[in-house]
Amino acid sequence: MATKLFKSLVTLGTGGAVSTGVYLTKEYWWPDDRQITRSISRALIEDQYVLLDASKPDDWSSVFEKYKVANPDGAKDVSQLQKECKELLSKELNKDNYKKARMWCVESQSVAQKLGLFNRSALSTDSTTDDAKWKSKIESHKSSLAPNKLNHDFKDADEQNVKVIKEKCSELSKKTNTDDTFESDFETSLSWCSVDIPNSN
């Protein structure tokens, strides 16, 4: 993968307790200047998206329904959107066009699905199975150095805060690539709502 996906493990511990987690940085979503000649289609594929296929009209129709709500003055039908996507995908990478293509020219992908593509597993939000891990996340979240923070100030790792972090992570997991803030939502979910999938070897 041409872009730099993961930074080194970051230590977010306090009081001698160490919590490590792998997190995405902006270099993952956006390459350095040496990589700027990549096409948008290549960048999307490397970032684990699946380009919409002309032979799957249902996928296009589903995306177009969301597209026309967000872009009332945009493409008027699926065929016009397909034409726009073809042009976008062939262009050299730039941020605005990448974002448009990520939203409207690839198969639907949720934050939860994307976690799995990067060997991460979402912590349980509907049982107490992972509560100890949630409490560890909350403790790490208190650090001023913590990246990609959730929109909440966790004071303690008590049961109420465990409930709050589960709710926020559950909301994030449902976000999809057609959401404007998908990249930042994914980064936040990766940092605070998931753990590495154990290596089976």
Protein backbone atom coordinates (compact mmCIF):
# COMPACT_ATOMS: atom_id res chain seq x y z
CA MET A 1 0.00 0.00 0.00
CA ALA A 2 1.52 3.29 -1.13
CA THR A 3 0.19 5.43 1.67
CA LYS A 4 1.45 5.01 5.19
CA LEU A 5 -1.31 3.16 7.00
CA PHE A 6 -0.24 2.80 10.56
CA LYS A 7 2.00 4.79 12.85
CA SER A 8 3.93 2.99 15.56
CA LEU A 9 2.16 1.86 18.67
CA VAL A 10 1.43 4.85 20.85
CA THR A 11 1.60 4.76 24.61
CA LEU A 12 -1.31 6.42 26.35
CA GLY A 13 -0.87 5.09 29.86
CA THR A 14 -1.06 6.93 33.16
CA GLY A 15 0.18 6.05 36.62
CA GLY A 16 2.38 3.26 35.32
CA ALA A 17 -0.46 1.52 33.48
CA VAL A 18 0.30 1.32 29.80
CA SER A 19 -2.32 1.11 27.09
CA THR A 20 -1.17 0.68 23.51
CA GLY A 21 -3.16 1.15 20.37
CA VAL A 22 -2.54 1.45 16.67
CA TYR A 23 -4.11 4.46 15.09
CA LEU A 24 -4.45 6.04 11.69
CA THR A 25 -3.01 9.43 10.93
CA LYS A 26 -3.70 11.91 8.18
CA GLU A 27 -0.85 10.35 6.15
CA TYR A 28 -3.06 7.32 5.63
CA TRP A 29 -5.92 9.29 4.15
CA TRP A 30 -3.67 11.63 2.27
CA PRO A 31 -0.28 10.77 0.68
CA ASP A 32 2.85 12.88 0.78
CA ASP A 33 3.91 14.95 -2.23
CA ARG A 34 5.91 12.13 -3.78
CA GLN A 35 2.72 10.09 -4.21
CA ILE A 36 0.58 12.83 -5.72
CA THR A 37 0.66 11.32 -9.23
CA ARG A 38 -1.56 8.40 -8.24
CA SER A 39 -4.98 8.21 -9.82
CA ILE A 40 -8.05 8.52 -7.63
CA SER A 41 -9.15 5.00 -8.56
CA ARG A 42 -5.82 3.55 -7.46
CA ALA A 43 -5.89 5.51 -4.20
CA LEU A 44 -9.39 4.26 -3.37
CA ILE A 45 -8.50 0.65 -4.09
CA GLU A 46 -5.37 0.93 -1.93
CA ASP A 47 -7.53 2.39 0.83
CA GLN A 48 -9.71 -0.75 0.76
CA TYR A 49 -12.70 0.63 -1.15
CA VAL A 50 -14.44 -1.30 -3.92
CA LEU A 51 -15.25 0.72 -7.02
CA LEU A 52 -18.85 0.54 -8.16
CA ASP A 53 -19.30 -1.94 -11.01
CA ALA A 54 -21.41 -1.04 -14.04
CA SER A 55 -22.70 -4.62 -14.07
CA LYS A 56 -24.32 -4.13 -10.64
CA PRO A 57 -27.16 -1.65 -11.24
CA ASP A 58 -28.68 -2.16 -7.80
CA ASP A 59 -25.51 -0.87 -6.15
CA TRP A 60 -25.54 2.21 -8.35
CA SER A 61 -29.22 2.84 -7.67
CA SER A 62 -28.67 2.61 -3.92
CA VAL A 63 -25.82 5.11 -4.03
CA PHE A 64 -27.73 7.42 -6.37
CA GLU A 65 -30.66 7.67 -3.96
CA LYS A 66 -28.30 9.13 -1.35
CA TYR A 67 -26.43 11.19 -3.93
CA LYS A 68 -29.47 13.06 -5.20
CA VAL A 69 -30.49 14.04 -1.66
CA ALA A 70 -27.04 15.47 -0.97
CA ASN A 71 -26.63 16.93 -4.47
CA PRO A 72 -30.01 18.15 -5.76
CA ASP A 73 -28.31 20.09 -8.56
CA GLY A 74 -25.94 17.28 -9.50
CA ALA A 75 -26.30 14.27 -11.79
CA LYS A 76 -29.92 13.68 -12.79
CA ASP A 77 -29.78 9.91 -13.20
CA VAL A 78 -27.56 6.89 -12.64
CA SER A 79 -25.99 7.01 -16.09
CA GLN A 80 -24.91 10.61 -15.55
CA LEU A 81 -23.44 9.73 -12.16
CA GLN A 82 -21.58 6.83 -13.76
CA LYS A 83 -20.11 9.20 -16.32
CA GLU A 84 -19.03 11.63 -13.61
CA CYS A 85 -17.46 8.79 -11.61
CA LYS A 86 -15.57 7.54 -14.66
CA GLU A 87 -14.08 11.00 -15.14
CA LEU A 88 -13.30 11.42 -11.44
CA LEU A 89 -11.63 8.04 -11.05
CA SER A 90 -9.25 8.65 -13.96
CA LYS A 91 -8.01 11.95 -12.56
CA GLU A 92 -4.82 12.45 -10.63
CA LEU A 93 -5.29 12.49 -6.90
CA ASN A 94 -6.52 15.61 -5.17
CA LYS A 95 -8.39 15.93 -1.90
CA ASP A 96 -11.70 17.27 -3.16
CA ASN A 97 -12.07 14.80 -6.01
CA TYR A 98 -10.94 11.90 -3.84
CA LYS A 99 -13.67 12.76 -1.34
CA LYS A 100 -16.35 12.98 -4.04
CA ALA A 101 -15.32 9.62 -5.47
CA ARG A 102 -15.13 8.05 -2.01
CA MET A 103 -18.70 9.14 -1.34
CA TRP A 104 -20.38 8.37 -4.67
CA CYS A 105 -18.24 6.03 -6.78
CA VAL A 106 -17.58 3.08 -4.46
CA GLU A 107 -19.64 0.35 -2.86
CA SER A 108 -21.23 1.20 0.47
CA GLN A 109 -18.92 0.67 3.42
CA SER A 110 -19.57 1.31 7.09
CA VAL A 111 -17.03 2.18 9.74
CA ALA A 112 -17.62 -1.26 11.30
CA GLN A 113 -16.89 -2.98 7.99
CA LYS A 114 -13.76 -0.94 7.40
CA LEU A 115 -12.37 -1.86 10.81
CA GLY A 116 -12.37 -5.50 9.76
CA LEU A 117 -10.46 -4.68 6.58
CA PHE A 118 -7.63 -3.38 8.73
CA ASN A 119 -7.56 -6.33 11.13
CA ARG A 120 -9.46 -4.56 13.89
CA SER A 121 -12.45 -5.83 15.86
CA ALA A 122 -15.08 -3.53 17.35
CA LEU A 123 -15.53 -3.87 21.10
CA SER A 124 -18.97 -5.08 22.14
CA THR A 125 -21.46 -2.27 22.67
CA ASP A 126 -24.42 -4.46 23.66
CA SER A 127 -22.95 -6.66 26.40
CA THR A 128 -20.56 -6.43 29.34
CA THR A 129 -18.05 -8.79 27.71
CA ASP A 130 -15.51 -6.07 26.91
CA ASP A 131 -16.17 -3.71 29.82
CA ALA A 132 -12.62 -4.02 31.16
CA LYS A 133 -11.28 -3.00 27.76
CA TRP A 134 -13.74 -0.11 27.58
CA LYS A 135 -12.51 1.14 30.97
CA SER A 136 -8.94 0.95 29.71
CA LYS A 137 -9.93 2.99 26.65
CA ILE A 138 -11.51 5.62 28.89
CA GLU A 139 -8.36 5.90 31.00
CA SER A 140 -6.27 6.36 27.86
CA HIS A 141 -8.75 8.89 26.49
CA LYS A 142 -7.98 11.21 29.43
CA SER A 143 -4.43 11.80 28.19
CA SER A 144 -3.78 15.19 26.61
CA LEU A 145 -1.73 13.34 23.98
CA ALA A 146 -4.54 11.00 22.97
CA PRO A 147 -5.34 11.19 19.23
CA ASN A 148 -8.71 11.29 17.46
CA LYS A 149 -10.71 11.82 20.64
CA LEU A 150 -14.41 11.14 21.03
CA ASN A 151 -16.64 14.14 21.61
CA HIS A 152 -16.91 13.56 25.34
CA ASP A 153 -14.89 14.45 28.42
CA PHE A 154 -14.53 11.23 30.40
CA LYS A 155 -13.79 11.98 34.06
CA ASP A 156 -13.80 8.44 35.40
CA ALA A 157 -13.97 4.90 34.07
CA ASP A 158 -17.22 4.22 35.90
CA GLU A 159 -20.28 2.38 34.63
CA GLN A 160 -21.97 5.54 33.37
CA ASN A 161 -18.95 6.46 31.27
CA VAL A 162 -18.72 2.91 29.95
CA LYS A 163 -22.32 3.31 28.82
CA VAL A 164 -21.50 6.64 27.15
CA ILE A 165 -18.46 5.35 25.27
CA LYS A 166 -20.45 2.35 24.05
CA GLU A 167 -23.21 4.63 22.76
CA LYS A 168 -20.77 6.90 20.96
CA CYS A 169 -18.91 4.00 19.42
CA SER A 170 -22.15 2.34 18.36
CA GLU A 171 -23.12 5.54 16.54
CA LEU A 172 -19.73 5.74 14.84
CA SER A 173 -19.86 2.12 13.70
CA LYS A 174 -22.94 2.86 11.60
CA LYS A 175 -21.42 5.78 9.71
CA THR A 176 -20.83 5.06 6.03
CA ASN A 177 -18.58 6.35 3.27
CA THR A 178 -21.35 8.66 2.05
CA ASP A 179 -21.03 10.63 5.29
CA ASP A 180 -18.93 13.76 4.97
CA THR A 181 -16.86 12.94 8.07
CA PHE A 182 -16.27 9.26 7.29
CA GLU A 183 -12.46 9.39 7.47
CA SER A 184 -12.35 11.12 10.85
CA ASP A 185 -15.16 8.89 12.15
CA PHE A 186 -13.16 5.83 11.16
CA GLU A 187 -9.98 7.15 12.79
CA THR A 188 -11.88 7.82 16.01
CA SER A 189 -13.50 4.40 15.96
CA LEU A 190 -10.19 2.70 15.29
CA SER A 191 -8.57 4.48 18.23
CA TRP A 192 -11.34 4.18 20.83
CA CYS A 193 -13.86 1.56 19.77
CA SER A 194 -11.77 -1.36 18.56
CA VAL A 195 -8.82 -3.64 19.24
CA ASP A 196 -6.48 -5.69 17.09
CA ILE A 197 -7.82 -9.03 15.90
CA PRO A 198 -5.53 -11.68 17.43
CA ASN A 199 -3.21 -13.41 15.01
CA SER A 200 -4.36 -16.99 14.54
CA ASN A 201 -0.85 -18.21 13.76
